[in-house]
C-alpha atoms as a PDB file:
ATOM      1  CA  UNK A   1     262.357  35.876  93.198  1.00  0.00           C
ATOM      2  CA  UNK A   2     262.593  34.012  96.530  1.00  0.00           C
ATOM      3  CA  UNK A   3     259.487  33.697  98.680  1.00  0.00           C
ATOM      4  CA  UNK A   4     259.043  33.020 102.381  1.00  0.00           C
ATOM      5  CA  UNK A   5     256.019  31.475 104.051  1.00  0.00           C
ATOM      6  CA  UNK A   6     254.243  33.878 106.398  1.00  0.00           C
ATOM      7  CA  UNK A   7     251.978  32.048 108.849  1.00  0.00           C
ATOM      8  CA  UNK A   8     250.473  35.096 110.590  1.00  0.00           C
ATOM      9  CA  UNK A   9     247.416  35.179 108.336  1.00  0.00           C
ATOM     10  CA  UNK A  10     245.682  32.792 105.930  1.00  0.00           C
ATOM     11  CA  UNK A  11     248.544  30.639 104.613  1.00  0.00           C
ATOM     12  CA  UNK A  12     247.127  30.566 101.065  1.00  0.00           C
ATOM     13  CA  UNK A  13     248.003  34.273 100.713  1.00  0.00           C
ATOM     14  CA  UNK A  14     251.624  33.065 100.369  1.00  0.00           C
ATOM     15  CA  UNK A  15     250.750  31.211  97.154  1.00  0.00           C
ATOM     16  CA  UNK A  16     249.363  34.280  95.328  1.00  0.00           C
ATOM     17  CA  UNK A  17     252.699  35.869  94.250  1.00  0.00           C
ATOM     18  CA  UNK A  18     254.270  32.654  92.915  1.00  0.00           C
ATOM     19  CA  UNK A  19     250.974  31.621  91.284  1.00  0.00           C
ATOM     20  CA  UNK A  20     250.938  34.817  89.199  1.00  0.00           C
ATOM     21  CA  UNK A  21     254.653  34.468  88.403  1.00  0.00           C
ATOM     22  CA  UNK A  22     254.254  30.834  87.324  1.00  0.00           C
ATOM     23  CA  UNK A  23     251.409  31.731  84.982  1.00  0.00           C
ATOM     24  CA  UNK A  24     253.592  34.435  83.424  1.00  0.00           C
ATOM     25  CA  UNK A  25     256.504  31.988  83.054  1.00  0.00           C
ATOM     26  CA  UNK A  26     254.188  29.450  81.382  1.00  0.00           C
ATOM     27  CA  UNK A  27     253.070  31.983  78.787  1.00  0.00           C
ATOM     28  CA  UNK A  28     249.857  33.028  80.500  1.00  0.00           C
ATOM     29  CA  UNK A  29     248.144  29.711  81.196  1.00  0.00           C
ATOM     30  CA  UNK A  30     248.802  26.515  83.077  1.00  0.00           C
ATOM     31  CA  UNK A  31     247.039  23.534  84.553  1.00  0.00           C
ATOM     32  CA  UNK A  32     246.435  23.398  88.304  1.00  0.00           C
ATOM     33  CA  UNK A  33     248.957  20.547  88.475  1.00  0.00           C
ATOM     34  CA  UNK A  34     251.651  22.687  86.795  1.00  0.00           C
ATOM     35  CA  UNK A  35     250.917  25.552  89.160  1.00  0.00           C
ATOM     36  CA  UNK A  36     250.944  23.270  92.203  1.00  0.00           C
ATOM     37  CA  UNK A  37     254.309  21.791  91.195  1.00  0.00           C
ATOM     38  CA  UNK A  38     255.683  25.259  90.418  1.00  0.00           C
ATOM     39  CA  UNK A  39     254.711  26.594  93.848  1.00  0.00           C
ATOM     40  CA  UNK A  40     256.228  23.538  95.550  1.00  0.00           C
ATOM     41  CA  UNK A  41     259.491  24.057  93.682  1.00  0.00           C
ATOM     42  CA  UNK A  42     259.552  27.846  94.073  1.00  0.00           C
ATOM     43  CA  UNK A  43     258.748  27.742  97.784  1.00  0.00           C
ATOM     44  CA  UNK A  44     260.906  24.681  98.520  1.00  0.00           C
ATOM     45  CA  UNK A  45     258.039  22.921 100.305  1.00  0.00           C
ATOM     46  CA  UNK A  46     258.833  19.592 101.934  1.00  0.00           C
ATOM     47  CA  UNK A  47     256.825  16.372 102.028  1.00  0.00           C
ATOM     48  CA  UNK A  48     255.764  16.923 105.642  1.00  0.00           C
ATOM     49  CA  UNK A  49     254.178  20.249 104.730  1.00  0.00           C
ATOM     50  CA  UNK A  50     252.557  18.823 101.601  1.00  0.00           C
ATOM     51  CA  UNK A  51     251.069  15.829 103.424  1.00  0.00           C
ATOM     52  CA  UNK A  52     249.180  17.908 106.027  1.00  0.00           C
ATOM     53  CA  UNK A  53     245.444  17.223 105.870  1.00  0.00           C
ATOM     54  CA  UNK A  54     242.375  18.911 107.287  1.00  0.00           C
ATOM     55  CA  UNK A  55     241.116  16.896 110.227  1.00  0.00           C
ATOM     56  CA  UNK A  56     237.406  16.901 109.333  1.00  0.00           C
ATOM     57  CA  UNK A  57     237.539  16.407 105.558  1.00  0.00           C
ATOM     58  CA  UNK A  58     240.861  14.628 105.155  1.00  0.00           C
ATOM     59  CA  UNK A  59     241.622  16.920 102.203  1.00  0.00           C
ATOM     60  CA  UNK A  60     245.223  17.918 101.595  1.00  0.00           C
ATOM     61  CA  UNK A  61     245.673  21.359 103.129  1.00  0.00           C
ATOM     62  CA  UNK A  62     248.150  22.637 100.506  1.00  0.00           C
ATOM     63  CA  UNK A  63     245.972  21.664  97.531  1.00  0.00           C
ATOM     64  CA  UNK A  64     242.975  23.387  99.116  1.00  0.00           C
ATOM     65  CA  UNK A  65     245.048  26.512  99.751  1.00  0.00           C
ATOM     66  CA  UNK A  66     246.260  26.696  96.145  1.00  0.00           C
ATOM     67  CA  UNK A  67     242.631  26.664  95.000  1.00  0.00           C
ATOM     68  CA  UNK A  68     241.770  29.441  97.470  1.00  0.00           C
ATOM     69  CA  UNK A  69     244.643  31.549  96.081  1.00  0.00           C
ATOM     70  CA  UNK A  70     243.241  30.935  92.590  1.00  0.00           C
ATOM     71  CA  UNK A  71     239.752  31.895  93.727  1.00  0.00           C
ATOM     72  CA  UNK A  72     240.835  35.269  95.128  1.00  0.00           C
ATOM     73  CA  UNK A  73     242.701  36.027  91.892  1.00  0.00           C
ATOM     74  CA  UNK A  74     239.615  35.025  89.883  1.00  0.00           C
ATOM     75  CA  UNK A  75     237.385  37.306  92.009  1.00  0.00           C
ATOM     76  CA  UNK A  76     239.846  40.106  91.268  1.00  0.00           C
ATOM     77  CA  UNK A  77     239.592  39.199  87.550  1.00  0.00           C
ATOM     78  CA  UNK A  78     243.330  38.610  87.290  1.00  0.00           C
ATOM     79  CA  UNK A  79     242.924  35.033  86.135  1.00  0.00           C
ATOM     80  CA  UNK A  80     240.246  33.303  84.099  1.00  0.00           C
ATOM     81  CA  UNK A  81     239.178  29.828  85.145  1.00  0.00           C
ATOM     82  CA  UNK A  82     236.262  29.427  82.765  1.00  0.00           C
ATOM     83  CA  UNK A  83     237.962  26.527  80.964  1.00  0.00           C
ATOM     84  CA  UNK A  84     237.988  23.465  83.197  1.00  0.00           C
ATOM     85  CA  UNK A  85     241.516  22.460  84.128  1.00  0.00           C
ATOM     86  CA  UNK A  86     243.232  25.610  82.806  1.00  0.00           C
ATOM     87  CA  UNK A  87     243.995  28.796  84.687  1.00  0.00           C
ATOM     88  CA  UNK A  88     244.850  31.738  82.437  1.00  0.00           C
ATOM     89  CA  UNK A  89     245.964  35.289  83.062  1.00  0.00           C
ATOM     90  CA  UNK A  90     243.649  38.078  82.004  1.00  0.00           C
ATOM     91  CA  UNK A  91     245.046  41.310  80.564  1.00  0.00           C
ATOM     92  CA  UNK A  92     245.018  42.763  84.085  1.00  0.00           C
ATOM     93  CA  UNK A  93     246.683  39.613  85.377  1.00  0.00           C
ATOM     94  CA  UNK A  94     249.616  40.114  83.007  1.00  0.00           C
ATOM     95  CA  UNK A  95     250.101  43.594  84.492  1.00  0.00           C
ATOM     96  CA  UNK A  96     249.764  42.430  88.101  1.00  0.00           C
ATOM     97  CA  UNK A  97     252.766  42.100  90.353  1.00  0.00           C
ATOM     98  CA  UNK A  98     252.399  40.728  93.858  1.00  0.00           C
ATOM     99  CA  UNK A  99     254.470  40.482  96.958  1.00  0.00           C
ATOM    100  CA  UNK A 100     253.151  39.181 100.258  1.00  0.00           C
ATOM    101  CA  UNK A 101     251.898  42.615 101.394  1.00  0.00           C
ATOM    102  CA  UNK A 102     249.876  43.235  98.221  1.00  0.00           C
ATOM    103  CA  UNK A 103     248.508  39.666  98.314  1.00  0.00           C
ATOM    104  CA  UNK A 104     247.407  40.245 101.913  1.00  0.00           C
ATOM    105  CA  UNK A 105     245.738  43.490 100.856  1.00  0.00           C
ATOM    106  CA  UNK A 106     243.829  41.582  98.154  1.00  0.00           C
ATOM    107  CA  UNK A 107     242.784  39.001 100.756  1.00  0.00           C
ATOM    108  CA  UNK A 108     241.429  41.643 103.164  1.00  0.00           C
ATOM    109  CA  UNK A 109     239.604  43.427 100.344  1.00  0.00           C
ATOM    110  CA  UNK A 110     237.635  40.289  99.473  1.00  0.00           C
ATOM    111  CA  UNK A 111     237.048  39.326 103.107  1.00  0.00           C
ATOM    112  CA  UNK A 112     235.406  42.719 103.558  1.00  0.00           C
ATOM    113  CA  UNK A 113     233.339  42.371 100.352  1.00  0.00           C
ATOM    114  CA  UNK A 114     232.042  38.952 101.393  1.00  0.00           C
ATOM    115  CA  UNK A 115     231.379  40.084 104.948  1.00  0.00           C
ATOM    116  CA  UNK A 116     229.264  42.967 103.669  1.00  0.00           C
ATOM    117  CA  UNK A 117     227.459  40.627 101.275  1.00  0.00           C
ATOM    118  CA  UNK A 118     226.543  38.329 104.160  1.00  0.00           C
ATOM    119  CA  UNK A 119     225.129  41.292 106.084  1.00  0.00           C
ATOM    120  CA  UNK A 120     223.077  42.354 103.063  1.00  0.00           C
ATOM    121  CA  UNK A 121     221.511  38.908 102.578  1.00  0.00           C
ATOM    122  CA  UNK A 122     218.881  39.877 105.118  1.00  0.00           C
ATOM    123  CA  UNK A 123     217.345  42.387 102.736  1.00  0.00           C
ATOM    124  CA  UNK A 124     213.595  42.201 102.438  1.00  0.00           C
ATOM    125  CA  UNK A 125     212.016  40.661  99.358  1.00  0.00           C
ATOM    126  CA  UNK A 126     210.695  44.085  98.353  1.00  0.00           C
ATOM    127  CA  UNK A 127     214.110  45.726  98.302  1.00  0.00           C
ATOM    128  CA  UNK A 128     215.593  42.704  96.515  1.00  0.00           C
ATOM    129  CA  UNK A 129     212.977  43.039  93.771  1.00  0.00           C
ATOM    130  CA  UNK A 130     213.802  46.730  93.330  1.00  0.00           C
ATOM    131  CA  UNK A 131     217.408  45.848  92.553  1.00  0.00           C
ATOM    132  CA  UNK A 132     216.589  43.030  90.142  1.00  0.00           C
ATOM    133  CA  UNK A 133     218.907  43.499  87.171  1.00  0.00           C
ATOM    134  CA  UNK A 134     216.315  42.057  84.800  1.00  0.00           C
ATOM    135  CA  UNK A 135     214.351  45.281  85.229  1.00  0.00           C
ATOM    136  CA  UNK A 136     217.238  47.388  83.997  1.00  0.00           C
ATOM    137  CA  UNK A 137     217.631  48.459  80.410  1.00  0.00           C
ATOM    138  CA  UNK A 138     220.912  47.600  78.765  1.00  0.00           C
ATOM    139  CA  UNK A 139     222.420  49.106  75.666  1.00  0.00           C
ATOM    140  CA  UNK A 140     224.400  46.779  73.496  1.00  0.00           C
ATOM    141  CA  UNK A 141     227.149  48.441  71.572  1.00  0.00           C
ATOM    142  CA  UNK A 142     228.062  46.826  68.263  1.00  0.00           C
ATOM    143  CA  UNK A 143     231.702  45.931  67.961  1.00  0.00           C
ATOM    144  CA  UNK A 144     233.688  44.955  64.912  1.00  0.00           C
ATOM    145  CA  UNK A 145     234.690  41.356  65.442  1.00  0.00           C
ATOM    146  CA  UNK A 146     237.814  39.862  63.949  1.00  0.00           C
ATOM    147  CA  UNK A 147     237.893  36.347  62.578  1.00  0.00           C
ATOM    148  CA  UNK A 148     240.214  33.836  64.208  1.00  0.00           C
ATOM    149  CA  UNK A 149     242.381  33.811  61.081  1.00  0.00           C
ATOM    150  CA  UNK A 150     242.785  37.616  61.236  1.00  0.00           C
ATOM    151  CA  UNK A 151     243.794  37.410  64.881  1.00  0.00           C
ATOM    152  CA  UNK A 152     246.370  34.689  64.189  1.00  0.00           C
ATOM    153  CA  UNK A 153     247.801  36.603  61.209  1.00  0.00           C
ATOM    154  CA  UNK A 154     248.258  39.685  63.415  1.00  0.00           C
ATOM    155  CA  UNK A 155     249.893  37.751  66.267  1.00  0.00           C
ATOM    156  CA  UNK A 156     253.659  37.909  66.767  1.00  0.00           C
ATOM    157  CA  UNK A 157     255.580  34.658  66.289  1.00  0.00           C
ATOM    158  CA  UNK A 158     256.164  34.474  70.063  1.00  0.00           C
ATOM    159  CA  UNK A 159     252.491  35.180  70.705  1.00  0.00           C
ATOM    160  CA  UNK A 160     251.534  32.377  68.328  1.00  0.00           C
ATOM    161  CA  UNK A 161     253.739  29.939  70.261  1.00  0.00           C
ATOM    162  CA  UNK A 162     252.002  30.956  73.504  1.00  0.00           C
ATOM    163  CA  UNK A 163     248.602  30.594  71.829  1.00  0.00           C
ATOM    164  CA  UNK A 164     249.502  27.054  70.739  1.00  0.00           C
ATOM    165  CA  UNK A 165     250.637  26.237  74.284  1.00  0.00           C
ATOM    166  CA  UNK A 166     247.375  27.513  75.724  1.00  0.00           C
ATOM    167  CA  UNK A 167     245.288  25.548  73.217  1.00  0.00           C
ATOM    168  CA  UNK A 168     247.171  22.358  74.060  1.00  0.00           C
ATOM    169  CA  UNK A 169     246.559  22.933  77.803  1.00  0.00           C
ATOM    170  CA  UNK A 170     242.876  23.577  77.209  1.00  0.00           C
ATOM    171  CA  UNK A 171     242.634  20.222  75.447  1.00  0.00           C
ATOM    172  CA  UNK A 172     244.082  18.485  78.516  1.00  0.00           C
ATOM    173  CA  UNK A 173     247.664  18.073  77.329  1.00  0.00           C
ATOM    174  CA  UNK A 174     250.090  18.178  80.239  1.00  0.00           C
ATOM    175  CA  UNK A 175     253.663  19.375  80.749  1.00  0.00           C
ATOM    176  CA  UNK A 176     253.407  21.951  77.968  1.00  0.00           C
ATOM    177  CA  UNK A 177     256.500  24.121  77.775  1.00  0.00           C
ATOM    178  CA  UNK A 178     256.813  27.138  75.534  1.00  0.00           C
ATOM    179  CA  UNK A 179     260.557  27.471  75.074  1.00  0.00           C
ATOM    180  CA  UNK A 180     262.533  30.682  75.051  1.00  0.00           C
ATOM    181  CA  UNK A 181     262.567  32.580  71.778  1.00  0.00           C
ATOM    182  CA  UNK A 182     265.421  31.620  69.485  1.00  0.00           C
ATOM    183  CA  UNK A 183     265.002  34.413  66.929  1.00  0.00           C
ATOM    184  CA  UNK A 184     263.587  31.945  64.394  1.00  0.00           C
ATOM    185  CA  UNK A 185     260.252  33.818  64.108  1.00  0.00           C
ATOM    186  CA  UNK A 186     258.430  30.904  65.752  1.00  0.00           C
ATOM    187  CA  UNK A 187     259.228  28.372  63.041  1.00  0.00           C
ATOM    188  CA  UNK A 188     259.212  25.464  65.529  1.00  0.00           C
END
């Protein structure tokens, strides 16, 4: 799917659709470097664009913007970034489909949430104590947990290949590529 850069709003909003698509193409997880390179290729970004820096910090503008796109997707719980150096789709992330308009909608949603949060920071200590979650009672529901071996045995051959790719990424391997299925039931 071709993408165009829209400069009317926050430029990082442009990176949200290809970021999701790249994660899907990579089997659900990728390193920031793989995502960065995928966006550059998908969007056809040139060296002049990629070398732009923020005046005050000297940081590369594009790299900063990719991380902001990731952050908005993480706030929306579409990607999980709990493992350092690996961005992974959540179940909702697999279902998500973005174009520029829906990415912009996501952006405005979180701008509003954070704006309201800033306004609410002026709450008095008394009202803050009333809302302290440690005072709430929580019920913990017991769940049947499956062992890792049971999960692997119930995974499709293709799913197992993606699992192996994700594990390799999480252990800092780079340039991991899960190839297209060849109807060999994942023997490779």
